[in-house]
C-alpha atoms as a PDB file:
ATOM      1  CA  MET A   1     -57.688  58.553  21.113  1.00  0.00           C
ATOM      2  CA  ILE A   2     -60.211  60.850  20.207  1.00  0.00           C
ATOM      3  CA  LYS A   3     -60.981  64.304  18.169  1.00  0.00           C
ATOM      4  CA  ASP A   4     -63.048  66.343  20.630  1.00  0.00           C
ATOM      5  CA  PRO A   5     -64.956  69.591  19.094  1.00  0.00           C
ATOM      6  CA  ASN A   6     -61.739  72.066  20.099  1.00  0.00           C
ATOM      7  CA  CYS A   7     -59.572  70.207  17.353  1.00  0.00           C
ATOM      8  CA  LYS A   8     -57.779  68.333  20.613  1.00  0.00           C
ATOM      9  CA  ASN A   9     -56.656  64.427  20.268  1.00  0.00           C
ATOM     10  CA  LYS A  10     -57.702  63.294  23.900  1.00  0.00           C
ATOM     11  CA  ILE A  11     -57.990  60.105  25.437  1.00  0.00           C
ATOM     12  CA  TYR A  12     -60.684  58.315  27.486  1.00  0.00           C
ATOM     13  CA  ARG A  13     -62.121  54.858  28.841  1.00  0.00           C
ATOM     14  CA  VAL A  14     -64.428  53.712  26.166  1.00  0.00           C
ATOM     15  CA  ASP A  15     -67.194  51.224  26.568  1.00  0.00           C
ATOM     16  CA  GLU A  16     -69.385  49.902  24.147  1.00  0.00           C
ATOM     17  CA  LEU A  17     -72.919  50.303  25.841  1.00  0.00           C
ATOM     18  CA  ASP A  18     -76.778  51.158  24.951  1.00  0.00           C
ATOM     19  CA  LYS A  19     -78.227  53.499  28.002  1.00  0.00           C
ATOM     20  CA  ILE A  20     -76.692  55.105  30.067  1.00  0.00           C
ATOM     21  CA  VAL A  21     -78.087  57.147  33.157  1.00  0.00           C
ATOM     22  CA  PHE A  22     -76.098  59.358  36.091  1.00  0.00           C
ATOM     23  CA  ASP A  23     -78.608  60.129  38.919  1.00  0.00           C
ATOM     24  CA  ASP A  24     -78.261  62.930  41.158  1.00  0.00           C
ATOM     25  CA  MET A  25     -76.022  61.274  43.731  1.00  0.00           C
ATOM     26  CA  GLY A  26     -73.102  60.477  41.642  1.00  0.00           C
ATOM     27  CA  ARG A  27     -74.213  57.109  40.587  1.00  0.00           C
ATOM     28  CA  VAL A  28     -74.194  55.938  37.162  1.00  0.00           C
ATOM     29  CA  PHE A  29     -76.572  53.076  35.685  1.00  0.00           C
ATOM     30  CA  ILE A  30     -76.147  50.949  32.452  1.00  0.00           C
ATOM     31  CA  ASN A  31     -78.851  49.056  30.411  1.00  0.00           C
ATOM     32  CA  ASP A  32     -80.504  49.398  34.713  1.00  0.00           C
ATOM     33  CA  GLU A  33     -78.113  48.107  36.627  1.00  0.00           C
ATOM     34  CA  VAL A  34     -75.543  49.905  39.085  1.00  0.00           C
ATOM     35  CA  TYR A  35     -72.201  50.501  36.981  1.00  0.00           C
ATOM     36  CA  ARG A  36     -69.088  50.070  39.993  1.00  0.00           C
ATOM     37  CA  GLU A  37     -66.586  52.953  39.193  1.00  0.00           C
ATOM     38  CA  SER A  38     -63.663  52.367  41.692  1.00  0.00           C
ATOM     39  CA  TYR A  39     -61.506  54.624  39.314  1.00  0.00           C
ATOM     40  CA  VAL A  40     -63.254  57.489  39.280  1.00  0.00           C
ATOM     41  CA  SER A  41     -61.347  60.386  41.482  1.00  0.00           C
ATOM     42  CA  SER A  42     -64.259  63.245  41.967  1.00  0.00           C
ATOM     43  CA  ARG A  43     -67.549  62.330  41.885  1.00  0.00           C
ATOM     44  CA  SER A  44     -70.710  64.623  40.152  1.00  0.00           C
ATOM     45  CA  ASP A  45     -73.799  66.411  40.994  1.00  0.00           C
ATOM     46  CA  PHE A  46     -74.745  65.751  36.677  1.00  0.00           C
ATOM     47  CA  GLU A  47     -78.255  64.146  35.716  1.00  0.00           C
ATOM     48  CA  GLY A  48     -78.555  62.507  32.518  1.00  0.00           C
ATOM     49  CA  LYS A  49     -80.082  59.757  30.777  1.00  0.00           C
ATOM     50  CA  PHE A  50     -78.675  59.082  27.021  1.00  0.00           C
ATOM     51  CA  ILE A  51     -79.385  56.072  24.530  1.00  0.00           C
ATOM     52  CA  VAL A  52     -75.813  55.230  22.775  1.00  0.00           C
ATOM     53  CA  PRO A  53     -76.570  54.705  19.342  1.00  0.00           C
ATOM     54  CA  GLU A  54     -75.374  52.089  16.991  1.00  0.00           C
ATOM     55  CA  ASP A  55     -71.850  52.134  16.238  1.00  0.00           C
ATOM     56  CA  CYS A  56     -71.311  54.940  18.717  1.00  0.00           C
ATOM     57  CA  TYR A  57     -69.445  55.615  21.318  1.00  0.00           C
ATOM     58  CA  PHE A  58     -69.818  57.855  25.095  1.00  0.00           C
ATOM     59  CA  PHE A  59     -67.111  58.905  26.532  1.00  0.00           C
ATOM     60  CA  VAL A  60     -66.611  59.696  30.102  1.00  0.00           C
ATOM     61  CA  GLY A  61     -63.334  60.954  32.249  1.00  0.00           C
ATOM     62  CA  ASP A  62     -62.224  59.301  35.151  1.00  0.00           C
ATOM     63  CA  ASN A  63     -62.540  63.253  36.907  1.00  0.00           C
ATOM     64  CA  ARG A  64     -65.994  62.878  36.827  1.00  0.00           C
ATOM     65  CA  GLY A  65     -66.384  66.211  38.527  1.00  0.00           C
ATOM     66  CA  GLY A  66     -63.840  68.026  35.814  1.00  0.00           C
ATOM     67  CA  SER A  67     -64.586  66.709  33.380  1.00  0.00           C
ATOM     68  CA  TYR A  68     -65.765  68.401  29.977  1.00  0.00           C
ATOM     69  CA  ASP A  69     -66.763  65.179  28.713  1.00  0.00           C
ATOM     70  CA  ALA A  70     -69.864  63.879  25.950  1.00  0.00           C
ATOM     71  CA  ARG A  71     -72.020  64.220  28.837  1.00  0.00           C
ATOM     72  CA  PHE A  72     -71.394  68.536  28.012  1.00  0.00           C
ATOM     73  CA  TRP A  73     -71.062  68.509  24.150  1.00  0.00           C
ATOM     74  CA  VAL A  74     -73.604  69.158  21.648  1.00  0.00           C
ATOM     75  CA  ASN A  75     -73.322  65.507  20.318  1.00  0.00           C
ATOM     76  CA  PRO A  76     -72.701  63.331  22.685  1.00  0.00           C
ATOM     77  CA  TYR A  77     -71.897  60.076  20.938  1.00  0.00           C
ATOM     78  CA  THR A  78     -68.697  59.636  18.978  1.00  0.00           C
ATOM     79  CA  HIS A  79     -69.264  57.357  15.778  1.00  0.00           C
ATOM     80  CA  LYS A  80     -66.448  54.468  15.966  1.00  0.00           C
ATOM     81  CA  SER A  81     -64.776  55.658  12.753  1.00  0.00           C
ATOM     82  CA  ASP A  82     -63.861  59.187  14.834  1.00  0.00           C
ATOM     83  CA  ILE A  83     -61.993  57.056  17.322  1.00  0.00           C
ATOM     84  CA  LYS A  84     -57.547  56.304  16.426  1.00  0.00           C
ATOM     85  CA  GLY A  85     -55.818  53.504  18.327  1.00  0.00           C
END
């Protein structure tokens, strides 16, 4: 669980990763390899590349098409000290 910018606690899937790329077809690449996500309930056409700093995490929701997650935050990286649970 993390605290979001609106001071609400949110629960997200968490992975420790280095480089994350979202392409315009809804695919996710982690460290240059396609990441299979059978659990994602809706795809998104969001495009972007993120390099996750050491001791930080990058959170995305399973409802990718409707989730206000790290892809849209001013600071998309959450330091491990800000994670509960």
